[in-house]
Amino acid sequence: MAISQDERGFFIALGNRIARLRKESHITQAQLAETLGVSQSTMNAYELGNRRVSLSALPTLAKTLGVSPEELLDETNAVTKKRGPAPKLQQHMERISQLPKPRQRMVMEMLDAVLAQGNR
């Protein structure tokens, strides 16, 4: 099914946001395509606004790019809002939060020591 003129503007803007966020996250089109289970040419078509992004792909796409699905879709606020932590950092934080409390404290102490050295 072809994209209507009304939809075209939305999908071009969405594709631009996806491309910008992907580049900011230092992710290649091929890597993002693999994460979504699509071909690189399909990913390219998403970024150009030539293809509709599947609704089921939006949560994975947003998480990979470090934004909420709402931010990914919101044309007005996506550019002005500050992005969250880089996906890899976010993944580490989620893993740390799953550790027992004593291990979490140990990791925090190590981070504090490293950060204190970095400020010298």
PDB file of N, CA and C in Angstrom:
ATOM      1  N   MET A   1       0.838  -1.175   0.000  1.00  0.00           N
ATOM      2  CA  MET A   1       0.000   0.000   0.000  1.00  0.00           C
ATOM      3  C   MET A   1       0.887   1.244   0.000  1.00  0.00           C
ATOM      4  N   ALA A   2       0.612   2.145  -0.888  1.00  0.00           N
ATOM      5  CA  ALA A   2       1.411   3.366  -1.028  1.00  0.00           C
ATOM      6  C   ALA A   2       1.122   4.330   0.116  1.00  0.00           C
ATOM      7  N   ILE A   3       2.081   5.197   0.394  1.00  0.00           N
ATOM      8  CA  ILE A   3       1.933   6.214   1.428  1.00  0.00           C
ATOM      9  C   ILE A   3       1.207   7.410   0.814  1.00  0.00           C
ATOM     10  N   SER A   4       0.143   7.861   1.489  1.00  0.00           N
ATOM     11  CA  SER A   4      -0.601   9.016   0.983  1.00  0.00           C
ATOM     12  C   SER A   4       0.206  10.294   1.204  1.00  0.00           C
ATOM     13  N   GLN A   5      -0.199  11.362   0.536  1.00  0.00           N
ATOM     14  CA  GLN A   5       0.491  12.658   0.691  1.00  0.00           C
ATOM     15  C   GLN A   5       0.427  13.139   2.130  1.00  0.00           C
ATOM     16  N   ASP A   6      -0.716  12.926   2.809  1.00  0.00           N
ATOM     17  CA  ASP A   6      -0.849  13.332   4.206  1.00  0.00           C
ATOM     18  C   ASP A   6       0.144  12.585   5.092  1.00  0.00           C
ATOM     19  N   GLU A   7       0.298  11.294   4.832  1.00  0.00           N
ATOM     20  CA  GLU A   7       1.213  10.477   5.625  1.00  0.00           C
ATOM     21  C   GLU A   7       2.677  10.759   5.284  1.00  0.00           C
ATOM     22  N   ARG A   8       2.926  11.127   4.068  1.00  0.00           N
ATOM     23  CA  ARG A   8       4.305  11.303   3.590  1.00  0.00           C
ATOM     24  C   ARG A   8       5.111  12.265   4.469  1.00  0.00           C
ATOM     25  N   GLY A   9       4.534  13.417   4.790  1.00  0.00           N
ATOM     26  CA  GLY A   9       5.234  14.389   5.628  1.00  0.00           C
ATOM     27  C   GLY A   9       5.583  13.820   6.989  1.00  0.00           C
ATOM     28  N   PHE A  10       4.644  13.074   7.575  1.00  0.00           N
ATOM     29  CA  PHE A  10       4.900  12.461   8.881  1.00  0.00           C
ATOM     30  C   PHE A  10       6.049  11.466   8.793  1.00  0.00           C
ATOM     31  N   PHE A  11       6.018  10.592   7.790  1.00  0.00           N
ATOM     32  CA  PHE A  11       7.053   9.559   7.684  1.00  0.00           C
ATOM     33  C   PHE A  11       8.417  10.126   7.292  1.00  0.00           C
ATOM     34  N   ILE A  12       8.440  11.226   6.558  1.00  0.00           N
ATOM     35  CA  ILE A  12       9.715  11.886   6.262  1.00  0.00           C
ATOM     36  C   ILE A  12      10.305  12.460   7.551  1.00  0.00           C
ATOM     37  N   ALA A  13       9.465  13.119   8.350  1.00  0.00           N
ATOM     38  CA  ALA A  13       9.938  13.689   9.620  1.00  0.00           C
ATOM     39  C   ALA A  13      10.392  12.580  10.573  1.00  0.00           C
ATOM     40  N   LEU A  14       9.628  11.491  10.638  1.00  0.00           N
ATOM     41  CA  LEU A  14      10.008  10.362  11.488  1.00  0.00           C
ATOM     42  C   LEU A  14      11.334   9.773  11.016  1.00  0.00           C
ATOM     43  N   GLY A  15      11.478   9.605   9.718  1.00  0.00           N
ATOM     44  CA  GLY A  15      12.725   9.064   9.166  1.00  0.00           C
ATOM     45  C   GLY A  15      13.913   9.953   9.479  1.00  0.00           C
ATOM     46  N   ASN A  16      13.710  11.268   9.402  1.00  0.00           N
ATOM     47  CA  ASN A  16      14.785  12.209   9.750  1.00  0.00           C
ATOM     48  C   ASN A  16      15.179  12.066  11.218  1.00  0.00           C
ATOM     49  N   ARG A  17      14.175  11.914  12.102  1.00  0.00           N
ATOM     50  CA  ARG A  17      14.482  11.737  13.532  1.00  0.00           C
ATOM     51  C   ARG A  17      15.230  10.434  13.766  1.00  0.00           C
ATOM     52  N   ILE A  18      14.788   9.369  13.106  1.00  0.00           N
ATOM     53  CA  ILE A  18      15.460   8.072  13.257  1.00  0.00           C
ATOM     54  C   ILE A  18      16.914   8.185  12.811  1.00  0.00           C
ATOM     55  N   ALA A  19      17.151   8.789  11.651  1.00  0.00           N
ATOM     56  CA  ALA A  19      18.515   8.925  11.127  1.00  0.00           C
ATOM     57  C   ALA A  19      19.380   9.759  12.071  1.00  0.00           C
ATOM     58  N   ARG A  20      18.829  10.877  12.565  1.00  0.00           N
ATOM     59  CA  ARG A  20      19.591  11.750  13.461  1.00  0.00           C
ATOM     60  C   ARG A  20      19.942  11.020  14.760  1.00  0.00           C
ATOM     61  N   LEU A  21      18.961  10.369  15.361  1.00  0.00           N
ATOM     62  CA  LEU A  21      19.200   9.655  16.620  1.00  0.00           C
ATOM     63  C   LEU A  21      20.167   8.487  16.415  1.00  0.00           C
ATOM     64  N   ARG A  22      20.038   7.811  15.281  1.00  0.00           N
ATOM     65  CA  ARG A  22      20.941   6.685  14.981  1.00  0.00           C
ATOM     66  C   ARG A  22      22.382   7.168  14.884  1.00  0.00           C
ATOM     67  N   LYS A  23      22.578   8.281  14.178  1.00  0.00           N
ATOM     68  CA  LYS A  23      23.933   8.826  14.019  1.00  0.00           C
ATOM     69  C   LYS A  23      24.477   9.325  15.347  1.00  0.00           C
ATOM     70  N   GLU A  24      23.639   9.976  16.148  1.00  0.00           N
ATOM     71  CA  GLU A  24      24.074  10.454  17.471  1.00  0.00           C
ATOM     72  C   GLU A  24      24.479   9.299  18.378  1.00  0.00           C
ATOM     73  N   SER A  25      23.844   8.140  18.171  1.00  0.00           N
ATOM     74  CA  SER A  25      24.135   6.951  18.971  1.00  0.00           C
ATOM     75  C   SER A  25      25.271   6.123  18.387  1.00  0.00           C
ATOM     76  N   HIS A  26      25.845   6.589  17.273  1.00  0.00           N
ATOM     77  CA  HIS A  26      26.945   5.884  16.597  1.00  0.00           C
ATOM     78  C   HIS A  26      26.544   4.462  16.211  1.00  0.00           C
ATOM     79  N   ILE A  27      25.346   4.347  15.645  1.00  0.00           N
ATOM     80  CA  ILE A  27      24.820   3.068  15.179  1.00  0.00           C
ATOM     81  C   ILE A  27      24.707   3.160  13.656  1.00  0.00           C
ATOM     82  N   THR A  28      25.145   2.127  12.962  1.00  0.00           N
ATOM     83  CA  THR A  28      25.029   2.128  11.502  1.00  0.00           C
ATOM     84  C   THR A  28      23.625   1.701  11.092  1.00  0.00           C
ATOM     85  N   GLN A  29      23.277   2.005   9.852  1.00  0.00           N
ATOM     86  CA  GLN A  29      21.989   1.544   9.327  1.00  0.00           C
ATOM     87  C   GLN A  29      21.906   0.028   9.384  1.00  0.00           C
ATOM     88  N   ALA A  30      23.004  -0.631   9.046  1.00  0.00           N
ATOM     89  CA  ALA A  30      23.021  -2.101   9.050  1.00  0.00           C
ATOM     90  C   ALA A  30      22.781  -2.647  10.450  1.00  0.00           C
ATOM     91  N   GLN A  31      23.405  -2.033  11.456  1.00  0.00           N
ATOM     92  CA  GLN A  31      23.214  -2.494  12.835  1.00  0.00           C
ATOM     93  C   GLN A  31      21.770  -2.302  13.280  1.00  0.00           C
ATOM     94  N   LEU A  32      21.201  -1.141  12.982  1.00  0.00           N
ATOM     95  CA  LEU A  32      19.820  -0.877  13.377  1.00  0.00           C
ATOM     96  C   LEU A  32      18.870  -1.804  12.630  1.00  0.00           C
ATOM     97  N   ALA A  33      19.137  -2.031  11.355  1.00  0.00           N
ATOM     98  CA  ALA A  33      18.307  -2.947  10.563  1.00  0.00           C
ATOM     99  C   ALA A  33      18.328  -4.343  11.167  1.00  0.00           C
ATOM    100  N   GLU A  34      19.516  -4.794  11.570  1.00  0.00           N
ATOM    101  CA  GLU A  34      19.638  -6.125  12.170  1.00  0.00           C
ATOM    102  C   GLU A  34      18.843  -6.207  13.474  1.00  0.00           C
ATOM    103  N   THR A  35      18.921  -5.164  14.289  1.00  0.00           N
ATOM    104  CA  THR A  35      18.174  -5.128  15.546  1.00  0.00           C
ATOM    105  C   THR A  35      16.675  -5.239  15.295  1.00  0.00           C
ATOM    106  N   LEU A  36      16.205  -4.591  14.224  1.00  0.00           N
ATOM    107  CA  LEU A  36      14.775  -4.603  13.905  1.00  0.00           C
ATOM    108  C   LEU A  36      14.354  -5.826  13.095  1.00  0.00           C
ATOM    109  N   GLY A  37      15.334  -6.568  12.588  1.00  0.00           N
ATOM    110  CA  GLY A  37      15.015  -7.745  11.784  1.00  0.00           C
ATOM    111  C   GLY A  37      14.545  -7.401  10.388  1.00  0.00           C
ATOM    112  N   VAL A  38      15.085  -6.292   9.849  1.00  0.00           N
ATOM    113  CA  VAL A  38      14.758  -5.879   8.481  1.00  0.00           C
ATOM    114  C   VAL A  38      16.059  -5.736   7.694  1.00  0.00           C
ATOM    115  N   SER A  39      15.932  -5.567   6.390  1.00  0.00           N
ATOM    116  CA  SER A  39      17.124  -5.376   5.567  1.00  0.00           C
ATOM    117  C   SER A  39      17.616  -3.937   5.693  1.00  0.00           C
ATOM    118  N   GLN A  40      18.868  -3.721   5.302  1.00  0.00           N
ATOM    119  CA  GLN A  40      19.408  -2.363   5.329  1.00  0.00           C
ATOM    120  C   GLN A  40      18.648  -1.469   4.354  1.00  0.00           C
ATOM    121  N   SER A  41      18.223  -2.018   3.226  1.00  0.00           N
ATOM    122  CA  SER A  41      17.470  -1.198   2.263  1.00  0.00           C
ATOM    123  C   SER A  41      16.117  -0.780   2.855  1.00  0.00           C
ATOM    124  N   THR A  42      15.504  -1.637   3.659  1.00  0.00           N
ATOM    125  CA  THR A  42      14.258  -1.264   4.337  1.00  0.00           C
ATOM    126  C   THR A  42      14.534  -0.164   5.352  1.00  0.00           C
ATOM    127  N   MET A  43      15.630  -0.291   6.091  1.00  0.00           N
ATOM    128  CA  MET A  43      15.998   0.739   7.071  1.00  0.00           C
ATOM    129  C   MET A  43      16.225   2.063   6.366  1.00  0.00           C
ATOM    130  N   ASN A  44      16.894   2.031   5.224  1.00  0.00           N
ATOM    131  CA  ASN A  44      17.129   3.241   4.434  1.00  0.00           C
ATOM    132  C   ASN A  44      15.791   3.854   3.998  1.00  0.00           C
ATOM    133  N   ALA A  45      14.861   3.009   3.574  1.00  0.00           N
ATOM    134  CA  ALA A  45      13.542   3.499   3.155  1.00  0.00           C
ATOM    135  C   ALA A  45      12.789   4.129   4.325  1.00  0.00           C
ATOM    136  N   TYR A  46      12.942   3.567   5.537  1.00  0.00           N
ATOM    137  CA  TYR A  46      12.340   4.181   6.727  1.00  0.00           C
ATOM    138  C   TYR A  46      12.905   5.585   6.925  1.00  0.00           C
ATOM    139  N   GLU A  47      14.226   5.701   6.850  1.00  0.00           N
ATOM    140  CA  GLU A  47      14.883   6.985   7.115  1.00  0.00           C
ATOM    141  C   GLU A  47      14.544   8.030   6.049  1.00  0.00           C
ATOM    142  N   LEU A  48      14.278   7.590   4.839  1.00  0.00           N
ATOM    143  CA  LEU A  48      13.912   8.522   3.762  1.00  0.00           C
ATOM    144  C   LEU A  48      12.425   8.843   3.764  1.00  0.00           C
ATOM    145  N   GLY A  49      11.650   8.111   4.564  1.00  0.00           N
ATOM    146  CA  GLY A  49      10.209   8.327   4.595  1.00  0.00           C
ATOM    147  C   GLY A  49       9.485   7.662   3.452  1.00  0.00           C
ATOM    148  N   ASN A  50      10.142   6.710   2.789  1.00  0.00           N
ATOM    149  CA  ASN A  50       9.538   6.012   1.657  1.00  0.00           C
ATOM    150  C   ASN A  50       8.744   4.781   2.070  1.00  0.00           C
ATOM    151  N   ARG A  51       8.906   4.366   3.337  1.00  0.00           N
ATOM    152  CA  ARG A  51       8.198   3.193   3.843  1.00  0.00           C
ATOM    153  C   ARG A  51       7.663   3.486   5.217  1.00  0.00           C
ATOM    154  N   ARG A  52       6.525   2.897   5.536  1.00  0.00           N
ATOM    155  CA  ARG A  52       5.962   3.021   6.879  1.00  0.00           C
ATOM    156  C   ARG A  52       6.775   2.181   7.851  1.00  0.00           C
ATOM    157  N   VAL A  53       7.073   2.742   9.008  1.00  0.00           N
ATOM    158  CA  VAL A  53       7.721   1.971  10.069  1.00  0.00           C
ATOM    159  C   VAL A  53       6.633   1.160  10.745  1.00  0.00           C
ATOM    160  N   SER A  54       6.875  -0.132  10.900  1.00  0.00           N
ATOM    161  CA  SER A  54       5.905  -1.011  11.529  1.00  0.00           C
ATOM    162  C   SER A  54       5.654  -0.585  12.970  1.00  0.00           C
ATOM    163  N   LEU A  55       4.398  -0.583  13.364  1.00  0.00           N
ATOM    164  CA  LEU A  55       4.022  -0.226  14.732  1.00  0.00           C
ATOM    165  C   LEU A  55       4.716  -1.138  15.736  1.00  0.00           C
ATOM    166  N   SER A  56       4.845  -2.405  15.410  1.00  0.00           N
ATOM    167  CA  SER A  56       5.476  -3.356  16.321  1.00  0.00           C
ATOM    168  C   SER A  56       6.977  -3.097  16.475  1.00  0.00           C
ATOM    169  N   ALA A  57       7.586  -2.373  15.529  1.00  0.00           N
ATOM    170  CA  ALA A  57       9.020  -2.073  15.599  1.00  0.00           C
ATOM    171  C   ALA A  57       9.322  -0.842  16.449  1.00  0.00           C
ATOM    172  N   LEU A  58       8.317  -0.019  16.713  1.00  0.00           N
ATOM    173  CA  LEU A  58       8.559   1.250  17.410  1.00  0.00           C
ATOM    174  C   LEU A  58       9.186   1.097  18.804  1.00  0.00           C
ATOM    175  N   PRO A  59       8.711   0.175  19.658  1.00  0.00           N
ATOM    176  CA  PRO A  59       9.351   0.062  20.978  1.00  0.00           C
ATOM    177  C   PRO A  59      10.831  -0.318  20.892  1.00  0.00           C
ATOM    178  N   THR A  60      11.166  -1.263  20.036  1.00  0.00           N
ATOM    179  CA  THR A  60      12.566  -1.674  19.876  1.00  0.00           C
ATOM    180  C   THR A  60      13.388  -0.546  19.287  1.00  0.00           C
ATOM    181  N   LEU A  61      12.836   0.126  18.308  1.00  0.00           N
ATOM    182  CA  LEU A  61      13.517   1.247  17.665  1.00  0.00           C
ATOM    183  C   LEU A  61      13.799   2.349  18.681  1.00  0.00           C
ATOM    184  N   ALA A  62      12.801   2.721  19.449  1.00  0.00           N
ATOM    185  CA  ALA A  62      12.964   3.777  20.446  1.00  0.00           C
ATOM    186  C   ALA A  62      13.988   3.388  21.507  1.00  0.00           C
ATOM    187  N   LYS A  63      13.906   2.170  22.009  1.00  0.00           N
ATOM    188  CA  LYS A  63      14.838   1.721  23.051  1.00  0.00           C
ATOM    189  C   LYS A  63      16.271   1.721  22.522  1.00  0.00           C
ATOM    190  N   THR A  64      16.451   1.226  21.320  1.00  0.00           N
ATOM    191  CA  THR A  64      17.785   1.176  20.716  1.00  0.00           C
ATOM    192  C   THR A  64      18.363   2.576  20.539  1.00  0.00           C
ATOM    193  N   LEU A  65      17.498   3.536  20.227  1.00  0.00           N
ATOM    194  CA  LEU A  65      17.948   4.916  19.993  1.00  0.00           C
ATOM    195  C   LEU A  65      17.976   5.750  21.276  1.00  0.00           C
ATOM    196  N   GLY A  66      17.568   5.161  22.392  1.00  0.00           N
ATOM    197  CA  GLY A  66      17.663   5.845  23.676  1.00  0.00           C
ATOM    198  C   GLY A  66      16.593   6.883  23.936  1.00  0.00           C
ATOM    199  N   VAL A  67      15.430   6.718  23.323  1.00  0.00           N
ATOM    200  CA  VAL A  67      14.313   7.636  23.549  1.00  0.00           C
ATOM    201  C   VAL A  67      13.051   6.814  23.811  1.00  0.00           C
ATOM    202  N   SER A  68      12.019   7.471  24.288  1.00  0.00           N
ATOM    203  CA  SER A  68      10.736   6.794  24.460  1.00  0.00           C
ATOM    204  C   SER A  68      10.028   6.745  23.105  1.00  0.00           C
ATOM    205  N   PRO A  69       9.090   5.813  22.944  1.00  0.00           N
ATOM    206  CA  PRO A  69       8.324   5.794  21.691  1.00  0.00           C
ATOM    207  C   PRO A  69       7.600   7.122  21.452  1.00  0.00           C
ATOM    208  N   GLU A  70       7.131   7.743  22.523  1.00  0.00           N
ATOM    209  CA  GLU A  70       6.445   9.026  22.390  1.00  0.00           C
ATOM    210  C   GLU A  70       7.388  10.086  21.822  1.00  0.00           C
ATOM    211  N   GLU A  71       8.623  10.126  22.337  1.00  0.00           N
ATOM    212  CA  GLU A  71       9.600  11.102  21.836  1.00  0.00           C
ATOM    213  C   GLU A  71       9.936  10.829  20.372  1.00  0.00           C
ATOM    214  N   LEU A  72      10.019   9.556  20.021  1.00  0.00           N
ATOM    215  CA  LEU A  72      10.341   9.202  18.646  1.00  0.00           C
ATOM    216  C   LEU A  72       9.249   9.681  17.684  1.00  0.00           C
ATOM    217  N   LEU A  73       8.001   9.597  18.111  1.00  0.00           N
ATOM    218  CA  LEU A  73       6.880   9.974  17.252  1.00  0.00           C
ATOM    219  C   LEU A  73       6.515  11.444  17.321  1.00  0.00           C
ATOM    220  N   ASP A  74       6.906  12.139  18.374  1.00  0.00           N
ATOM    221  CA  ASP A  74       6.485  13.514  18.594  1.00  0.00           C
ATOM    222  C   ASP A  74       7.307  14.480  17.762  1.00  0.00           C
ATOM    223  N   GLU A  75       6.718  14.999  16.716  1.00  0.00           N
ATOM    224  CA  GLU A  75       7.408  15.907  15.806  1.00  0.00           C
ATOM    225  C   GLU A  75       7.846  17.196  16.486  1.00  0.00           C
ATOM    226  N   THR A  76       7.056  17.709  17.413  1.00  0.00           N
ATOM    227  CA  THR A  76       7.338  19.025  17.994  1.00  0.00           C
ATOM    228  C   THR A  76       8.379  18.980  19.091  1.00  0.00           C
ATOM    229  N   ASN A  77       8.388  17.927  19.906  1.00  0.00           N
ATOM    230  CA  ASN A  77       9.256  17.915  21.076  1.00  0.00           C
ATOM    231  C   ASN A  77      10.493  17.042  20.943  1.00  0.00           C
ATOM    232  N   ALA A  78      10.540  16.195  19.929  1.00  0.00           N
ATOM    233  CA  ALA A  78      11.655  15.251  19.828  1.00  0.00           C
ATOM    234  C   ALA A  78      12.996  15.957  19.698  1.00  0.00           C
ATOM    235  N   VAL A  79      13.041  17.061  18.981  1.00  0.00           N
ATOM    236  CA  VAL A  79      14.304  17.760  18.765  1.00  0.00           C
ATOM    237  C   VAL A  79      14.678  18.599  19.977  1.00  0.00           C
ATOM    238  N   THR A  80      13.695  19.160  20.673  1.00  0.00           N
ATOM    239  CA  THR A  80      13.990  20.071  21.775  1.00  0.00           C
ATOM    240  C   THR A  80      14.262  19.354  23.084  1.00  0.00           C
ATOM    241  N   LYS A  81      13.746  18.153  23.266  1.00  0.00           N
ATOM    242  CA  LYS A  81      13.979  17.425  24.507  1.00  0.00           C
ATOM    243  C   LYS A  81      15.394  16.863  24.525  1.00  0.00           C
ATOM    244  N   LYS A  82      15.974  16.843  25.704  1.00  0.00           N
ATOM    245  CA  LYS A  82      17.298  16.260  25.849  1.00  0.00           C
ATOM    246  C   LYS A  82      17.157  14.743  25.834  1.00  0.00           C
ATOM    247  N   ARG A  83      18.006  14.106  25.068  1.00  0.00           N
ATOM    248  CA  ARG A  83      17.976  12.643  25.011  1.00  0.00           C
ATOM    249  C   ARG A  83      18.483  12.062  26.311  1.00  0.00           C
ATOM    250  N   GLY A  84      18.061  10.857  26.582  1.00  0.00           N
ATOM    251  CA  GLY A  84      18.503  10.155  27.778  1.00  0.00           C
ATOM    252  C   GLY A  84      19.905   9.625  27.588  1.00  0.00           C
ATOM    253  N   PRO A  85      20.325   8.786  28.515  1.00  0.00           N
ATOM    254  CA  PRO A  85      21.680   8.235  28.417  1.00  0.00           C
ATOM    255  C   PRO A  85      21.842   7.383  27.163  1.00  0.00           C
ATOM    256  N   ALA A  86      23.076   7.224  26.745  1.00  0.00           N
ATOM    257  CA  ALA A  86      23.365   6.391  25.586  1.00  0.00           C
ATOM    258  C   ALA A  86      22.848   4.981  25.864  1.00  0.00           C
ATOM    259  N   PRO A  87      22.373   4.273  24.833  1.00  0.00           N
ATOM    260  CA  PRO A  87      21.803   2.950  25.055  1.00  0.00           C
ATOM    261  C   PRO A  87      22.713   2.003  25.833  1.00  0.00           C
ATOM    262  N   LYS A  88      24.005   1.996  25.559  1.00  0.00           N
ATOM    263  CA  LYS A  88      24.901   1.081  26.261  1.00  0.00           C
ATOM    264  C   LYS A  88      24.969   1.436  27.746  1.00  0.00           C
ATOM    265  N   LEU A  89      25.074   2.722  28.055  1.00  0.00           N
ATOM    266  CA  LEU A  89      25.086   3.159  29.445  1.00  0.00           C
ATOM    267  C   LEU A  89      23.777   2.789  30.132  1.00  0.00           C
ATOM    268  N   GLN A  90      22.680   2.973  29.432  1.00  0.00           N
ATOM    269  CA  GLN A  90      21.363   2.627  29.978  1.00  0.00           C
ATOM    270  C   GLN A  90      21.289   1.127  30.261  1.00  0.00           C
ATOM    271  N   GLN A  91      21.814   0.322  29.385  1.00  0.00           N
ATOM    272  CA  GLN A  91      21.808  -1.127  29.593  1.00  0.00           C
ATOM    273  C   GLN A  91      22.632  -1.495  30.820  1.00  0.00           C
ATOM    274  N   HIS A  92      23.790  -0.844  30.980  1.00  0.00           N
ATOM    275  CA  HIS A  92      24.618  -1.112  32.160  1.00  0.00           C
ATOM    276  C   HIS A  92      23.879  -0.733  33.439  1.00  0.00           C
ATOM    277  N   MET A  93      23.199   0.408  33.412  1.00  0.00           N
ATOM    278  CA  MET A  93      22.470   0.855  34.596  1.00  0.00           C
ATOM    279  C   MET A  93      21.357  -0.124  34.955  1.00  0.00           C
ATOM    280  N   GLU A  94      20.672  -0.644  33.949  1.00  0.00           N
ATOM    281  CA  GLU A  94      19.620  -1.625  34.195  1.00  0.00           C
ATOM    282  C   GLU A  94      20.200  -2.899  34.800  1.00  0.00           C
ATOM    283  N   ARG A  95      21.350  -3.322  34.298  1.00  0.00           N
ATOM    284  CA  ARG A  95      21.993  -4.531  34.856  1.00  0.00           C
ATOM    285  C   ARG A  95      22.450  -4.302  36.285  1.00  0.00           C
ATOM    286  N   ILE A  96      22.994  -3.122  36.565  1.00  0.00           N
ATOM    287  CA  ILE A  96      23.437  -2.799  37.928  1.00  0.00           C
ATOM    288  C   ILE A  96      22.246  -2.805  38.876  1.00  0.00           C
ATOM    289  N   SER A  97      21.116  -2.291  38.421  1.00  0.00           N
ATOM    290  CA  SER A  97      19.934  -2.234  39.289  1.00  0.00           C
ATOM    291  C   SER A  97      19.415  -3.623  39.648  1.00  0.00           C
ATOM    292  N   GLN A  98      19.805  -4.639  38.897  1.00  0.00           N
ATOM    293  CA  GLN A  98      19.380  -6.005  39.177  1.00  0.00           C
ATOM    294  C   GLN A  98      20.295  -6.709  40.185  1.00  0.00           C
ATOM    295  N   LEU A  99      21.449  -6.107  40.478  1.00  0.00           N
ATOM    296  CA  LEU A  99      22.388  -6.696  41.424  1.00  0.00           C
ATOM    297  C   LEU A  99      21.858  -6.573  42.848  1.00  0.00           C
ATOM    298  N   PRO A 100      22.347  -7.426  43.748  1.00  0.00           N
ATOM    299  CA  PRO A 100      21.994  -7.265  45.161  1.00  0.00           C
ATOM    300  C   PRO A 100      22.509  -5.913  45.672  1.00  0.00           C
ATOM    301  N   LYS A 101      21.847  -5.357  46.680  1.00  0.00           N
ATOM    302  CA  LYS A 101      22.188  -4.023  47.198  1.00  0.00           C
ATOM    303  C   LYS A 101      23.670  -3.877  47.565  1.00  0.00           C
ATOM    304  N   PRO A 102      24.301  -4.859  48.232  1.00  0.00           N
ATOM    305  CA  PRO A 102      25.735  -4.681  48.556  1.00  0.00           C
ATOM    306  C   PRO A 102      26.604  -4.538  47.309  1.00  0.00           C
ATOM    307  N   ARG A 103      26.269  -5.284  46.255  1.00  0.00           N
ATOM    308  CA  ARG A 103      27.029  -5.181  44.999  1.00  0.00           C
ATOM    309  C   ARG A 103      26.776  -3.830  44.335  1.00  0.00           C
ATOM    310  N   GLN A 104      25.537  -3.336  44.404  1.00  0.00           N
ATOM    311  CA  GLN A 104      25.227  -2.026  43.850  1.00  0.00           C
ATOM    312  C   GLN A 104      26.069  -0.951  44.545  1.00  0.00           C
ATOM    313  N   ARG A 105      26.172  -1.032  45.872  1.00  0.00           N
ATOM    314  CA  ARG A 105      26.983  -0.054  46.618  1.00  0.00           C
ATOM    315  C   ARG A 105      28.443  -0.124  46.188  1.00  0.00           C
ATOM    316  N   MET A 106      28.951  -1.353  45.995  1.00  0.00           N
ATOM    317  CA  MET A 106      30.338  -1.527  45.574  1.00  0.00           C
ATOM    318  C   MET A 106      30.562  -0.879  44.200  1.00  0.00           C
ATOM    319  N   VAL A 107      29.650  -1.101  43.270  1.00  0.00           N
ATOM    320  CA  VAL A 107      29.770  -0.513  41.930  1.00  0.00           C
ATOM    321  C   VAL A 107      29.722   1.010  42.033  1.00  0.00           C
ATOM    322  N   MET A 108      28.828   1.539  42.850  1.00  0.00           N
ATOM    323  CA  MET A 108      28.713   2.991  43.009  1.00  0.00           C
ATOM    324  C   MET A 108      29.996   3.580  43.606  1.00  0.00           C
ATOM    325  N   GLU A 109      30.581   2.892  44.570  1.00  0.00           N
ATOM    326  CA  GLU A 109      31.844   3.365  45.150  1.00  0.00           C
ATOM    327  C   GLU A 109      32.948   3.385  44.097  1.00  0.00           C
ATOM    328  N   MET A 110      32.989   2.355  43.259  1.00  0.00           N
ATOM    329  CA  MET A 110      33.994   2.310  42.203  1.00  0.00           C
ATOM    330  C   MET A 110      33.782   3.440  41.206  1.00  0.00           C
ATOM    331  N   LEU A 111      32.541   3.685  40.824  1.00  0.00           N
ATOM    332  CA  LEU A 111      32.234   4.779  39.897  1.00  0.00           C
ATOM    333  C   LEU A 111      32.600   6.129  40.501  1.00  0.00           C
ATOM    334  N   ASP A 112      32.282   6.316  41.781  1.00  0.00           N
ATOM    335  CA  ASP A 112      32.614   7.564  42.458  1.00  0.00           C
ATOM    336  C   ASP A 112      34.122   7.786  42.431  1.00  0.00           C
ATOM    337  N   ALA A 113      34.898   6.732  42.688  1.00  0.00           N
ATOM    338  CA  ALA A 113      36.360   6.863  42.696  1.00  0.00           C
ATOM    339  C   ALA A 113      36.891   7.229  41.297  1.00  0.00           C
ATOM    340  N   VAL A 114      36.378   6.573  40.270  1.00  0.00           N
ATOM    341  CA  VAL A 114      36.811   6.851  38.904  1.00  0.00           C
ATOM    342  C   VAL A 114      36.435   8.285  38.515  1.00  0.00           C
ATOM    343  N   LEU A 115      35.216   8.689  38.830  1.00  0.00           N
ATOM    344  CA  LEU A 115      34.773  10.034  38.490  1.00  0.00           C
ATOM    345  C   LEU A 115      35.561  11.098  39.251  1.00  0.00           C
ATOM    346  N   ALA A 116      35.921  10.812  40.484  1.00  0.00           N
ATOM    347  CA  ALA A 116      36.712  11.757  41.260  1.00  0.00           C
ATOM    348  C   ALA A 116      38.098  11.928  40.629  1.00  0.00           C
ATOM    349  N   GLN A 117      38.677  10.857  40.119  1.00  0.00           N
ATOM    350  CA  GLN A 117      39.979  10.936  39.458  1.00  0.00           C
ATOM    351  C   GLN A 117      39.876  11.724  38.151  1.00  0.00           C
ATOM    352  N   GLY A 118      38.746  11.592  37.471  1.00  0.00           N
ATOM    353  CA  GLY A 118      38.550  12.291  36.205  1.00  0.00           C
ATOM    354  C   GLY A 118      38.428  13.793  36.368  1.00  0.00           C
ATOM    355  N   ASN A 119      38.034  14.236  37.548  1.00  0.00           N
ATOM    356  CA  ASN A 119      37.844  15.666  37.800  1.00  0.00           C
ATOM    357  C   ASN A 119      39.130  16.361  38.255  1.00  0.00           C
ATOM    358  N   ARG A 120      40.206  15.657  38.349  1.00  0.00           N
ATOM    359  CA  ARG A 120      41.456  16.257  38.787  1.00  0.00           C
ATOM    360  C   ARG A 120      42.164  16.958  37.679  1.00  0.00           C
TER     361      ARG A 120
END
